[in-house]
Amino acid sequence: LERDTERENRDVWVRVYNDCDTQGSPWCEEERGSDRSMPWNRWGESAWTSGEARGMHGELELERVPVAVLRAGVRRDDSHRGGNGEGVLGGRKRDGPIIEGPVFVVKDNIDTDQIIPAEYLTLVPSVPEEYAKLGTYAMIGLPEKLYEKRYVEEDEKNTKYPIIVAGDNFGCGSSREHAPIAIGAAGGKAVVAESYARIFFRNCSATGELYPWETPKRLVDEFETGDVAKINFDDETITNVTSGKVFPLNPLGEVKPVVDAGGIFAYARETGMISY
C-alpha cells in the first residue's frame, strides 16, 4: 500500500485529554469539521502536545499536530515530564535510554489470572475511564500470603513500581491481552523475567504496553520489592541501584521499536507497512 503523502504531511487539530490518573496518558480526537473520530486506541495511536500537564481530569486546548506525528505514536514536547522537548525521545513508554524506579518482585509461573483476574475482563481498554480502572486491578490476583505488598496500593490508581522483576514463565495461563495492558495502565513500563509464556510476550509488543526484557541470570534472588533499578537500553543492562550490582539483559531485538512506536499497528503505520 502506498502512503498518502498529502494526508501524512498535513496538520490536524487534536483535542488532548490529559488524565494524570493514568500517568498523564493522552487521548486524541481528530477534528474533521463537525465530524469527530472516536478517542484513539491507547496502544494504537497517541500524541503529546506542548503545554503543562493538568493535575486533574481535564481538557487541553486544541492544537495543530502533524498526522505523521500521531501515526508514529511519538511525543512532540515532553518538557513538562522532564524530557528535552526535542521530539522523539525513545518511545511512548520511555523518555530516553533509561527506565528507572522501584521494582516489584514476583516469583515463577505468575499466570494471567494473577495479573488480571477474569472478572475484570469486561473493562474495555480503548475507553479511557475503563483503561484507567483496569490499571487499578493489575496484579491483584497475587496471593496476599506470598505478596504482602500490593502492586497497586488500595485506594491508589497507579503503581509506584515501573519495573517488574520476575522468575520463570511469567504470563502463563490464558492468552488475554488485558494482562500487559493492565500493568501498563497502572504505570508499569518494563518486565525483566527469566522467561515468558509465548503469548504474553507477544501481547507486550502487540499492545505496546511493556518492554519484555529477558535475563540470562535469575534476578528474583538479586532484587527485593522496593529496590531501585535502572534499565539501560543502550548497554542492555539492569542495575540494582540499591546494591550497586549490574546484570546483563538479552537484547530486545525487533520488539523494541514496536513497543517504542506504541504497538504493532502504530509500528506498521510508522514504517509504511499499512496506510493511514
Protein backbone atom coordinates (compact mmCIF):
# COMPACT_ATOMS: atom_id res chain seq x y z
CA LEU A 1 0.00 0.00 0.00
CA GLU A 2 1.30 3.44 -0.88
CA ARG A 3 1.46 6.17 1.71
CA ASP A 4 -0.96 9.04 1.30
CA THR A 5 1.75 11.71 1.34
CA GLU A 6 -0.63 14.64 1.21
CA ARG A 7 -2.61 13.29 4.15
CA GLU A 8 0.53 12.40 6.06
CA ASN A 9 2.10 15.83 5.75
CA ARG A 10 -0.93 17.91 6.59
CA ASP A 11 -1.67 19.08 10.10
CA VAL A 12 -4.79 18.18 12.00
CA TRP A 13 -6.41 19.64 15.06
CA VAL A 14 -6.32 17.32 18.04
CA ARG A 15 -8.02 17.62 21.37
CA VAL A 16 -5.86 16.03 24.05
CA TYR A 17 -7.41 14.79 27.25
CA ASN A 18 -4.79 14.66 29.96
CA ASP A 19 -5.53 12.11 32.65
CA CYS A 20 -2.91 12.20 35.39
CA ASP A 21 -4.52 9.14 36.93
CA THR A 22 -3.10 7.16 34.02
CA GLN A 23 0.39 8.66 34.14
CA GLY A 24 -0.70 11.62 32.05
CA SER A 25 -1.86 9.39 29.22
CA PRO A 26 -3.30 11.39 26.33
CA TRP A 27 -6.38 10.56 24.34
CA CYS A 28 -6.77 12.25 20.98
CA GLU A 29 -9.65 13.17 18.75
CA GLU A 30 -9.13 14.36 15.21
CA GLU A 31 -11.26 17.31 14.17
CA ARG A 32 -12.77 16.91 10.72
CA GLY A 33 -15.17 19.79 10.50
CA SER A 34 -18.18 18.84 12.57
CA ASP A 35 -17.26 15.16 12.38
CA ARG A 36 -15.09 13.85 15.22
CA SER A 37 -13.46 10.46 15.38
CA MET A 38 -13.69 8.32 18.48
CA PRO A 39 -10.83 8.56 21.01
CA TRP A 40 -7.85 6.78 19.55
CA ASN A 41 -6.95 3.37 20.81
CA ARG A 42 -4.47 3.61 23.70
CA TRP A 43 -1.96 1.23 22.14
CA GLY A 44 -2.72 2.15 18.55
CA GLU A 45 -2.04 5.89 18.42
CA SER A 46 -1.07 8.59 20.87
CA ALA A 47 0.50 12.01 20.81
CA TRP A 48 1.84 14.58 23.21
CA THR A 49 1.26 18.26 22.69
CA SER A 50 3.05 21.14 24.32
CA GLY A 51 1.55 22.52 27.48
CA GLU A 52 1.65 21.83 31.16
CA ALA A 53 0.08 18.60 32.36
CA ARG A 54 -3.00 19.20 34.45
CA GLY A 55 -3.18 17.71 37.92
CA MET A 56 -6.75 16.60 37.36
CA HIS A 57 -9.01 15.22 34.67
CA GLY A 58 -9.27 17.96 32.12
CA GLU A 59 -9.15 19.02 28.52
CA LEU A 60 -6.28 20.85 26.90
CA GLU A 61 -6.88 23.37 24.18
CA LEU A 62 -6.94 22.34 20.54
CA GLU A 63 -3.52 22.26 18.99
CA ARG A 64 -2.30 21.61 15.46
CA VAL A 65 -0.27 18.40 15.20
CA PRO A 66 1.13 16.67 12.07
CA VAL A 67 -0.61 13.43 11.17
CA ALA A 68 2.79 11.76 10.82
CA VAL A 69 3.48 12.51 14.47
CA LEU A 70 0.19 10.97 15.52
CA ARG A 71 0.79 7.96 13.32
CA ALA A 72 4.19 7.28 14.82
CA GLY A 73 2.84 7.46 18.36
CA VAL A 74 5.61 9.85 19.47
CA ARG A 75 5.61 12.97 21.58
CA ARG A 76 6.07 16.48 20.29
CA ASP A 77 7.13 18.04 23.54
CA ASP A 78 7.86 16.18 26.73
CA SER A 79 9.29 19.16 28.62
CA HIS A 80 6.58 19.03 31.29
CA ARG A 81 7.65 15.47 32.13
CA GLY A 82 11.35 16.18 32.33
CA GLY A 83 12.19 15.42 28.70
CA ASN A 84 14.20 17.62 26.41
CA GLY A 85 11.26 18.71 24.30
CA GLU A 86 13.02 17.84 21.05
CA GLY A 87 10.56 15.30 19.67
CA VAL A 88 11.23 11.57 19.71
CA LEU A 89 12.98 10.78 22.99
CA GLY A 90 12.89 7.00 22.93
CA GLY A 91 9.34 5.75 22.84
CA ARG A 92 5.87 6.04 24.26
CA LYS A 93 6.87 4.22 27.45
CA ARG A 94 10.28 5.85 27.95
CA ASP A 95 11.86 9.28 27.62
CA GLY A 96 15.29 8.03 26.55
CA PRO A 97 17.67 5.10 27.07
CA ILE A 98 16.93 4.76 30.81
CA ILE A 99 13.95 3.47 32.76
CA GLU A 100 14.50 3.85 36.49
CA GLY A 101 12.39 3.29 39.57
CA PRO A 102 11.44 0.85 42.32
CA VAL A 103 10.93 -2.78 41.32
CA PHE A 104 8.15 -5.19 42.19
CA VAL A 105 9.49 -8.74 42.54
CA VAL A 106 7.44 -11.85 41.79
CA LYS A 107 8.48 -15.49 41.58
CA ASP A 108 7.90 -18.23 38.98
CA ASN A 109 4.78 -19.13 36.99
CA ILE A 110 2.83 -15.92 37.55
CA ASP A 111 -0.22 -16.51 35.38
CA THR A 112 -2.60 -14.09 33.73
CA ASP A 113 -5.30 -14.81 36.33
CA GLN A 114 -2.94 -13.39 38.92
CA ILE A 115 -2.03 -10.45 36.70
CA ILE A 116 -5.66 -9.56 35.94
CA PRO A 117 -8.48 -11.86 37.11
CA ALA A 118 -11.19 -12.79 34.60
CA GLU A 119 -13.86 -10.79 36.41
CA TYR A 120 -12.22 -7.56 35.21
CA LEU A 121 -12.01 -8.51 31.54
CA THR A 122 -15.29 -6.74 30.84
CA LEU A 123 -13.39 -3.44 31.06
CA VAL A 124 -12.68 -2.06 27.58
CA PRO A 125 -9.12 -0.66 27.34
CA SER A 126 -9.97 1.65 24.43
CA VAL A 127 -12.31 3.60 26.73
CA PRO A 128 -10.10 5.97 28.77
CA GLU A 129 -12.02 5.62 32.02
CA GLU A 130 -12.04 1.83 31.76
CA TYR A 131 -8.37 1.72 30.80
CA ALA A 132 -7.54 3.66 33.97
CA LYS A 133 -9.82 1.39 36.00
CA LEU A 134 -8.14 -1.70 34.57
CA GLY A 135 -4.80 -0.46 35.87
CA THR A 136 -6.07 -0.33 39.45
CA TYR A 137 -6.58 -4.12 39.33
CA ALA A 138 -3.14 -5.01 37.94
CA MET A 139 -1.54 -7.96 39.79
CA ILE A 140 -4.50 -8.07 42.18
CA GLY A 141 -4.74 -11.85 41.85
CA LEU A 142 -1.42 -12.45 43.61
CA PRO A 143 -1.90 -14.36 46.89
CA GLU A 144 -1.61 -11.98 49.84
CA LYS A 145 0.17 -14.60 51.94
CA LEU A 146 3.09 -14.57 49.50
CA TYR A 147 2.93 -10.91 48.46
CA GLU A 148 2.16 -8.62 51.38
CA LYS A 149 2.94 -5.51 49.33
CA ARG A 150 0.48 -4.83 46.56
CA TYR A 151 1.48 -3.77 43.07
CA VAL A 152 -1.16 -1.05 43.21
CA GLU A 153 -1.93 0.00 46.75
CA GLU A 154 -5.55 0.14 47.90
CA ASP A 155 -7.24 3.43 47.01
CA GLU A 156 -4.40 4.26 44.60
CA LYS A 157 -4.81 4.45 40.83
CA ASN A 158 -1.19 3.96 39.81
CA THR A 159 1.65 1.74 40.85
CA LYS A 160 4.91 3.07 42.25
CA TYR A 161 6.77 0.22 40.54
CA PRO A 162 7.56 0.93 36.87
CA ILE A 163 9.64 -2.27 36.66
CA ILE A 164 8.62 -5.82 37.50
CA VAL A 165 11.35 -8.39 38.14
CA ALA A 166 10.01 -11.91 37.63
CA GLY A 167 11.14 -15.51 37.58
CA ASP A 168 10.42 -18.23 35.06
CA ASN A 169 7.35 -18.49 32.80
CA PHE A 170 5.87 -15.06 33.54
CA GLY A 171 2.44 -14.51 31.98
CA CYS A 172 1.47 -18.17 31.62
CA GLY A 173 -2.16 -19.27 31.56
CA SER A 174 -4.96 -17.95 29.39
CA SER A 175 -4.00 -15.74 26.45
CA ARG A 176 -5.60 -12.46 27.49
CA GLU A 177 -4.15 -9.23 26.12
CA HIS A 178 -5.64 -7.46 29.14
CA ALA A 179 -2.67 -8.75 31.16
CA PRO A 180 0.09 -6.49 29.78
CA ILE A 181 -2.45 -3.72 29.26
CA ALA A 182 -3.41 -3.76 32.95
CA ILE A 183 0.23 -3.48 34.02
CA GLY A 184 0.83 -0.70 31.52
CA ALA A 185 -2.33 1.13 32.55
CA ALA A 186 -1.11 1.08 36.14
CA GLY A 187 2.11 2.79 35.10
CA GLY A 188 4.29 -0.26 34.50
CA LYS A 189 6.90 0.15 31.77
CA ALA A 190 9.02 -2.99 31.72
CA VAL A 191 9.19 -6.56 32.94
CA VAL A 192 12.53 -8.30 33.43
CA ALA A 193 11.93 -12.03 33.63
CA GLU A 194 13.87 -15.26 33.39
CA SER A 195 11.40 -16.38 30.72
CA TYR A 196 7.88 -15.65 29.44
CA ALA A 197 4.86 -17.50 28.22
CA ARG A 198 4.97 -17.03 24.45
CA ILE A 199 1.58 -15.34 24.04
CA PHE A 200 2.16 -12.91 26.90
CA PHE A 201 5.49 -11.92 25.36
CA ARG A 202 3.80 -11.26 22.04
CA ASN A 203 0.98 -9.30 23.67
CA CYS A 204 3.53 -6.99 25.33
CA SER A 205 4.82 -5.91 21.94
CA ALA A 206 1.49 -6.06 20.09
CA THR A 207 -0.14 -3.68 22.57
CA GLY A 208 3.00 -1.59 23.09
CA GLU A 209 2.37 -1.60 26.83
CA LEU A 210 5.54 -3.22 28.19
CA TYR A 211 9.16 -3.91 27.28
CA PRO A 212 9.54 -7.67 27.92
CA TRP A 213 13.22 -8.00 28.80
CA GLU A 214 14.71 -11.44 29.39
CA THR A 215 17.73 -12.10 31.56
CA PRO A 216 20.31 -14.90 31.38
CA LYS A 217 20.62 -14.78 35.18
CA ARG A 218 17.88 -15.41 37.69
CA LEU A 219 17.30 -11.99 39.21
CA VAL A 220 14.48 -12.62 41.68
CA ASP A 221 17.19 -13.58 44.16
CA GLU A 222 19.12 -10.36 43.44
CA PHE A 223 16.28 -7.87 43.96
CA GLU A 224 13.71 -7.19 46.64
CA THR A 225 10.48 -5.31 46.15
CA GLY A 226 11.25 -1.64 46.66
CA ASP A 227 14.86 -1.79 45.45
CA VAL A 228 15.58 0.90 42.90
CA ALA A 229 16.59 -0.43 39.48
CA LYS A 230 17.86 1.20 36.32
CA ILE A 231 17.37 -0.38 32.90
CA ASN A 232 19.82 0.90 30.30
CA PHE A 233 18.56 0.32 26.75
CA ASP A 234 21.91 1.23 25.20
CA ASP A 235 24.03 -1.09 27.34
CA GLU A 236 21.24 -3.69 27.67
CA THR A 237 21.77 -3.97 31.40
CA ILE A 238 19.77 -3.66 34.59
CA THR A 239 21.40 -2.17 37.67
CA ASN A 240 20.24 -2.71 41.20
CA VAL A 241 20.92 0.84 42.36
CA THR A 242 20.30 -0.23 45.94
CA SER A 243 23.03 -2.89 45.92
CA GLY A 244 25.17 -1.49 43.11
CA LYS A 245 25.16 -4.76 41.14
CA VAL A 246 24.84 -4.70 37.33
CA PHE A 247 23.31 -7.57 35.32
CA PRO A 248 23.18 -8.18 31.55
CA LEU A 249 19.89 -8.43 29.66
CA ASN A 250 19.14 -10.33 26.49
CA PRO A 251 18.60 -8.00 23.51
CA LEU A 252 15.02 -6.98 22.79
CA GLY A 253 15.71 -7.15 19.07
CA GLU A 254 12.77 -6.26 16.85
CA VAL A 255 10.45 -5.97 19.83
CA LYS A 256 11.97 -2.67 20.96
CA PRO A 257 10.89 -0.47 18.01
CA VAL A 258 7.39 -1.96 18.11
CA VAL A 259 6.92 -1.06 21.78
CA ASP A 260 8.58 2.31 21.17
CA ALA A 261 6.00 3.08 18.49
CA GLY A 262 3.10 2.17 20.75
CA GLY A 263 2.18 -1.28 19.46
CA ILE A 264 2.08 -3.34 16.30
CA PHE A 265 -0.43 -1.20 14.38
CA ALA A 266 1.34 2.06 15.23
CA TYR A 267 4.62 0.48 14.17
CA ALA A 268 3.12 -0.77 10.91
CA ARG A 269 1.85 2.70 10.11
CA GLU A 270 5.13 4.31 11.11
CA THR A 271 7.15 2.03 8.84
CA GLY A 272 4.72 2.20 5.92
CA MET A 273 3.53 -1.40 6.14
CA ILE A 274 -0.06 -0.22 6.19
CA SER A 275 -1.68 3.04 5.16
CA TYR A 276 -3.34 5.52 7.50
